Amino acid sequence: QVQLVESGGGSVQAGGSLRLSCAASGRTFSRYNMGWFRQAPGKERDFVAAIHWIGDTTYYADSVKDRFTISRVNHKNTLYLQMNNLKPEDTAVYYCAADVDGHYVYTLRTSHVYDYWGQGTQVTVSS
C-alpha cells in the first residue's frame, strides 16, 4: 500500500508561482513512476506531468510545457511540481499519482496506469 499526500496548493494571481509537493510512503519510491494530474470543476481529470523512475525522464502536457517542472527527491520520498507563470486556466484540484508497475514512459499520460492517488490540493489562479 502506498499513501500519497499533496501539499502546497493555494491562491495566486496570474503570472505567479507555486510549488506542489507529494509525500509518499513505501520503501521503493525510487522505483515508482510518478505523475501529476488536475481536475477543474465540471471537467475530466487531465494529465499534467510525469516522471519515469529510470533516468527521471519527464513528460508534460502541451498546456504546461515550459511553465511547469516535475522533479523528485528519492531519499525524501517526495515528488514536486514547480508551477511558474500560472494562468487562470490552471485553476484545478491537483493530484499526484504513483505507478508501481513500471509502465513505459509513453503510457504515463493515461490515468489508468496509476495504482495510487493522493487526496488532491486546490490551486486557484485569479486574473
C-alpha atoms as a PDB file:
ATOM      1  CA  GLN A   1       0.000   0.000   0.000  1.00  0.00           C
ATOM      2  CA  VAL A   2       1.294   3.442  -0.951  1.00  0.00           C
ATOM      3  CA  GLN A   3      -0.045   6.613   0.619  1.00  0.00           C
ATOM      4  CA  LEU A   4       0.318   9.945  -1.145  1.00  0.00           C
ATOM      5  CA  VAL A   5      -0.225  13.325   0.485  1.00  0.00           C
ATOM      6  CA  GLU A   6      -0.160  16.527  -1.561  1.00  0.00           C
ATOM      7  CA  SER A   7       0.538  19.982  -0.190  1.00  0.00           C
ATOM      8  CA  GLY A   8       1.466  23.435  -1.422  1.00  0.00           C
ATOM      9  CA  GLY A   9      -1.723  24.487  -3.134  1.00  0.00           C
ATOM     10  CA  GLY A  10      -3.215  27.932  -2.687  1.00  0.00           C
ATOM     11  CA  SER A  11      -4.429  31.078  -4.384  1.00  0.00           C
ATOM     12  CA  VAL A  12      -2.186  33.220  -6.566  1.00  0.00           C
ATOM     13  CA  GLN A  13      -2.555  35.879  -9.197  1.00  0.00           C
ATOM     14  CA  ALA A  14      -1.852  35.203 -12.844  1.00  0.00           C
ATOM     15  CA  GLY A  15       1.865  35.176 -13.519  1.00  0.00           C
ATOM     16  CA  GLY A  16       2.656  33.886 -10.046  1.00  0.00           C
ATOM     17  CA  SER A  17       4.255  30.639  -8.952  1.00  0.00           C
ATOM     18  CA  LEU A  18       3.515  27.736  -6.649  1.00  0.00           C
ATOM     19  CA  ARG A  19       5.362  24.552  -5.772  1.00  0.00           C
ATOM     20  CA  LEU A  20       3.325  21.466  -5.023  1.00  0.00           C
ATOM     21  CA  SER A  21       4.741  18.595  -3.007  1.00  0.00           C
ATOM     22  CA  CYS A  22       3.638  14.995  -2.754  1.00  0.00           C
ATOM     23  CA  ALA A  23       4.940  12.922   0.138  1.00  0.00           C
ATOM     24  CA  ALA A  24       4.863   9.190  -0.497  1.00  0.00           C
ATOM     25  CA  SER A  25       5.042   6.208   1.793  1.00  0.00           C
ATOM     26  CA  GLY A  26       6.758   2.990   0.802  1.00  0.00           C
ATOM     27  CA  ARG A  27      10.290   1.663   0.724  1.00  0.00           C
ATOM     28  CA  THR A  28      10.753   1.676  -3.034  1.00  0.00           C
ATOM     29  CA  PHE A  29       9.693   5.195  -4.006  1.00  0.00           C
ATOM     30  CA  SER A  30      12.721   5.438  -6.306  1.00  0.00           C
ATOM     31  CA  ARG A  31      11.231   2.688  -8.471  1.00  0.00           C
ATOM     32  CA  TYR A  32       7.797   4.286  -8.837  1.00  0.00           C
ATOM     33  CA  ASN A  33       6.737   6.232 -11.873  1.00  0.00           C
ATOM     34  CA  MET A  34       5.039   9.367 -10.599  1.00  0.00           C
ATOM     35  CA  GLY A  35       2.568  11.729 -12.171  1.00  0.00           C
ATOM     36  CA  TRP A  36       0.564  14.883 -11.615  1.00  0.00           C
ATOM     37  CA  PHE A  37      -2.998  15.268 -12.849  1.00  0.00           C
ATOM     38  CA  ARG A  38      -5.553  18.026 -12.387  1.00  0.00           C
ATOM     39  CA  GLN A  39      -9.303  18.344 -12.442  1.00  0.00           C
ATOM     40  CA  ALA A  40     -11.192  21.580 -12.937  1.00  0.00           C
ATOM     41  CA  PRO A  41     -14.850  21.895 -11.867  1.00  0.00           C
ATOM     42  CA  GLY A  42     -17.123  20.085 -14.282  1.00  0.00           C
ATOM     43  CA  LYS A  43     -14.231  18.655 -16.281  1.00  0.00           C
ATOM     44  CA  GLU A  44     -12.407  15.362 -16.506  1.00  0.00           C
ATOM     45  CA  ARG A  45      -9.128  14.675 -14.777  1.00  0.00           C
ATOM     46  CA  ASP A  46      -6.302  15.683 -17.112  1.00  0.00           C
ATOM     47  CA  PHE A  47      -2.664  14.717 -17.296  1.00  0.00           C
ATOM     48  CA  VAL A  48      -0.161  17.410 -16.307  1.00  0.00           C
ATOM     49  CA  ALA A  49       3.283  15.832 -15.979  1.00  0.00           C
ATOM     50  CA  ALA A  50       5.043  12.555 -15.234  1.00  0.00           C
ATOM     51  CA  ILE A  51       8.495  11.351 -14.283  1.00  0.00           C
ATOM     52  CA  HIS A  52       9.756   7.880 -15.071  1.00  0.00           C
ATOM     53  CA  TRP A  53      11.786   6.009 -12.491  1.00  0.00           C
ATOM     54  CA  ILE A  54      14.508   5.118 -14.993  1.00  0.00           C
ATOM     55  CA  GLY A  55      16.659   8.165 -15.575  1.00  0.00           C
ATOM     56  CA  ASP A  56      13.986  10.543 -14.283  1.00  0.00           C
ATOM     57  CA  THR A  57      12.674  11.034 -17.806  1.00  0.00           C
ATOM     58  CA  THR A  58       9.957  13.674 -17.751  1.00  0.00           C
ATOM     59  CA  TYR A  59       6.845  14.132 -19.825  1.00  0.00           C
ATOM     60  CA  TYR A  60       4.487  17.140 -19.938  1.00  0.00           C
ATOM     61  CA  ALA A  61       1.126  18.118 -21.282  1.00  0.00           C
ATOM     62  CA  ASP A  62       1.485  20.717 -24.020  1.00  0.00           C
ATOM     63  CA  SER A  63      -0.522  23.212 -21.971  1.00  0.00           C
ATOM     64  CA  VAL A  64       2.091  23.330 -19.202  1.00  0.00           C
ATOM     65  CA  LYS A  65       5.313  22.674 -21.086  1.00  0.00           C
ATOM     66  CA  ASP A  66       7.976  25.346 -20.387  1.00  0.00           C
ATOM     67  CA  ARG A  67       5.987  26.591 -17.368  1.00  0.00           C
ATOM     68  CA  PHE A  68       5.829  23.562 -15.052  1.00  0.00           C
ATOM     69  CA  THR A  69       8.667  21.318 -13.876  1.00  0.00           C
ATOM     70  CA  ILE A  70       8.226  17.910 -12.294  1.00  0.00           C
ATOM     71  CA  SER A  71      11.004  16.560 -10.109  1.00  0.00           C
ATOM     72  CA  ARG A  72      11.621  14.091  -7.317  1.00  0.00           C
ATOM     73  CA  VAL A  73      13.927  13.621  -4.343  1.00  0.00           C
ATOM     74  CA  ASN A  74      14.068   9.911  -3.738  1.00  0.00           C
ATOM     75  CA  HIS A  75      15.738   9.967  -0.333  1.00  0.00           C
ATOM     76  CA  LYS A  76      12.883  12.169   0.870  1.00  0.00           C
ATOM     77  CA  ASN A  77      10.173  10.093  -0.844  1.00  0.00           C
ATOM     78  CA  THR A  78       8.865  13.351  -2.289  1.00  0.00           C
ATOM     79  CA  LEU A  79       7.574  14.450  -5.676  1.00  0.00           C
ATOM     80  CA  TYR A  80       7.381  18.116  -6.683  1.00  0.00           C
ATOM     81  CA  LEU A  81       5.649  20.237  -9.273  1.00  0.00           C
ATOM     82  CA  GLN A  82       7.076  23.705  -9.730  1.00  0.00           C
ATOM     83  CA  MET A  83       4.478  25.866 -11.459  1.00  0.00           C
ATOM     84  CA  ASN A  84       5.549  29.204 -12.927  1.00  0.00           C
ATOM     85  CA  ASN A  85       3.710  31.820 -14.950  1.00  0.00           C
ATOM     86  CA  LEU A  86       0.394  30.484 -13.720  1.00  0.00           C
ATOM     87  CA  LYS A  87      -2.740  31.224 -15.728  1.00  0.00           C
ATOM     88  CA  PRO A  88      -6.411  31.256 -14.675  1.00  0.00           C
ATOM     89  CA  GLU A  89      -6.941  28.124 -16.747  1.00  0.00           C
ATOM     90  CA  ASP A  90      -4.530  26.294 -14.430  1.00  0.00           C
ATOM     91  CA  THR A  91      -7.143  26.515 -11.676  1.00  0.00           C
ATOM     92  CA  ALA A  92      -7.959  22.974 -10.577  1.00  0.00           C
ATOM     93  CA  VAL A  93      -7.504  20.358  -7.914  1.00  0.00           C
ATOM     94  CA  TYR A  94      -4.077  18.805  -8.436  1.00  0.00           C
ATOM     95  CA  TYR A  95      -3.465  15.134  -7.702  1.00  0.00           C
ATOM     96  CA  CYS A  96      -0.270  13.153  -7.531  1.00  0.00           C
ATOM     97  CA  ALA A  97      -0.290   9.505  -8.520  1.00  0.00           C
ATOM     98  CA  ALA A  98       2.047   6.524  -8.319  1.00  0.00           C
ATOM     99  CA  ASP A  99       2.568   3.727 -10.821  1.00  0.00           C
ATOM    100  CA  VAL A 100       4.301   0.860  -9.040  1.00  0.00           C
ATOM    101  CA  ASP A 101       4.363  -1.455 -12.047  1.00  0.00           C
ATOM    102  CA  GLY A 102       6.954   0.414 -14.085  1.00  0.00           C
ATOM    103  CA  HIS A 103       4.958   1.196 -17.208  1.00  0.00           C
ATOM    104  CA  TYR A 104       6.687   2.712 -20.224  1.00  0.00           C
ATOM    105  CA  VAL A 105       7.003   6.480 -20.172  1.00  0.00           C
ATOM    106  CA  TYR A 106       4.689   7.000 -23.149  1.00  0.00           C
ATOM    107  CA  THR A 107       1.823   5.415 -21.206  1.00  0.00           C
ATOM    108  CA  LEU A 108       2.122   7.723 -18.214  1.00  0.00           C
ATOM    109  CA  ARG A 109      -0.286  10.351 -19.531  1.00  0.00           C
ATOM    110  CA  THR A 110      -3.154   7.921 -19.036  1.00  0.00           C
ATOM    111  CA  SER A 111      -4.670   7.805 -15.571  1.00  0.00           C
ATOM    112  CA  HIS A 112      -5.469   4.102 -15.592  1.00  0.00           C
ATOM    113  CA  VAL A 113      -1.815   3.047 -15.344  1.00  0.00           C
ATOM    114  CA  TYR A 114      -1.536   4.597 -11.895  1.00  0.00           C
ATOM    115  CA  ASP A 115      -2.231   2.472  -8.840  1.00  0.00           C
ATOM    116  CA  TYR A 116      -2.384   5.034  -6.052  1.00  0.00           C
ATOM    117  CA  TRP A 117      -3.683   8.596  -5.798  1.00  0.00           C
ATOM    118  CA  GLY A 118      -3.474  11.400  -3.303  1.00  0.00           C
ATOM    119  CA  GLN A 119      -6.422  13.359  -1.995  1.00  0.00           C
ATOM    120  CA  GLY A 120      -5.622  16.452  -4.059  1.00  0.00           C
ATOM    121  CA  THR A 121      -4.693  20.051  -3.372  1.00  0.00           C
ATOM    122  CA  GLN A 122      -6.547  23.095  -4.695  1.00  0.00           C
ATOM    123  CA  VAL A 123      -4.797  25.624  -6.919  1.00  0.00           C
ATOM    124  CA  THR A 124      -6.670  28.820  -7.746  1.00  0.00           C
ATOM    125  CA  VAL A 125      -5.267  31.404 -10.157  1.00  0.00           C
ATOM    126  CA  SER A 126      -7.009  34.757 -10.421  1.00  0.00           C
ATOM    127  CA  SER A 127      -6.703  37.155 -13.330  1.00  0.00           C
END
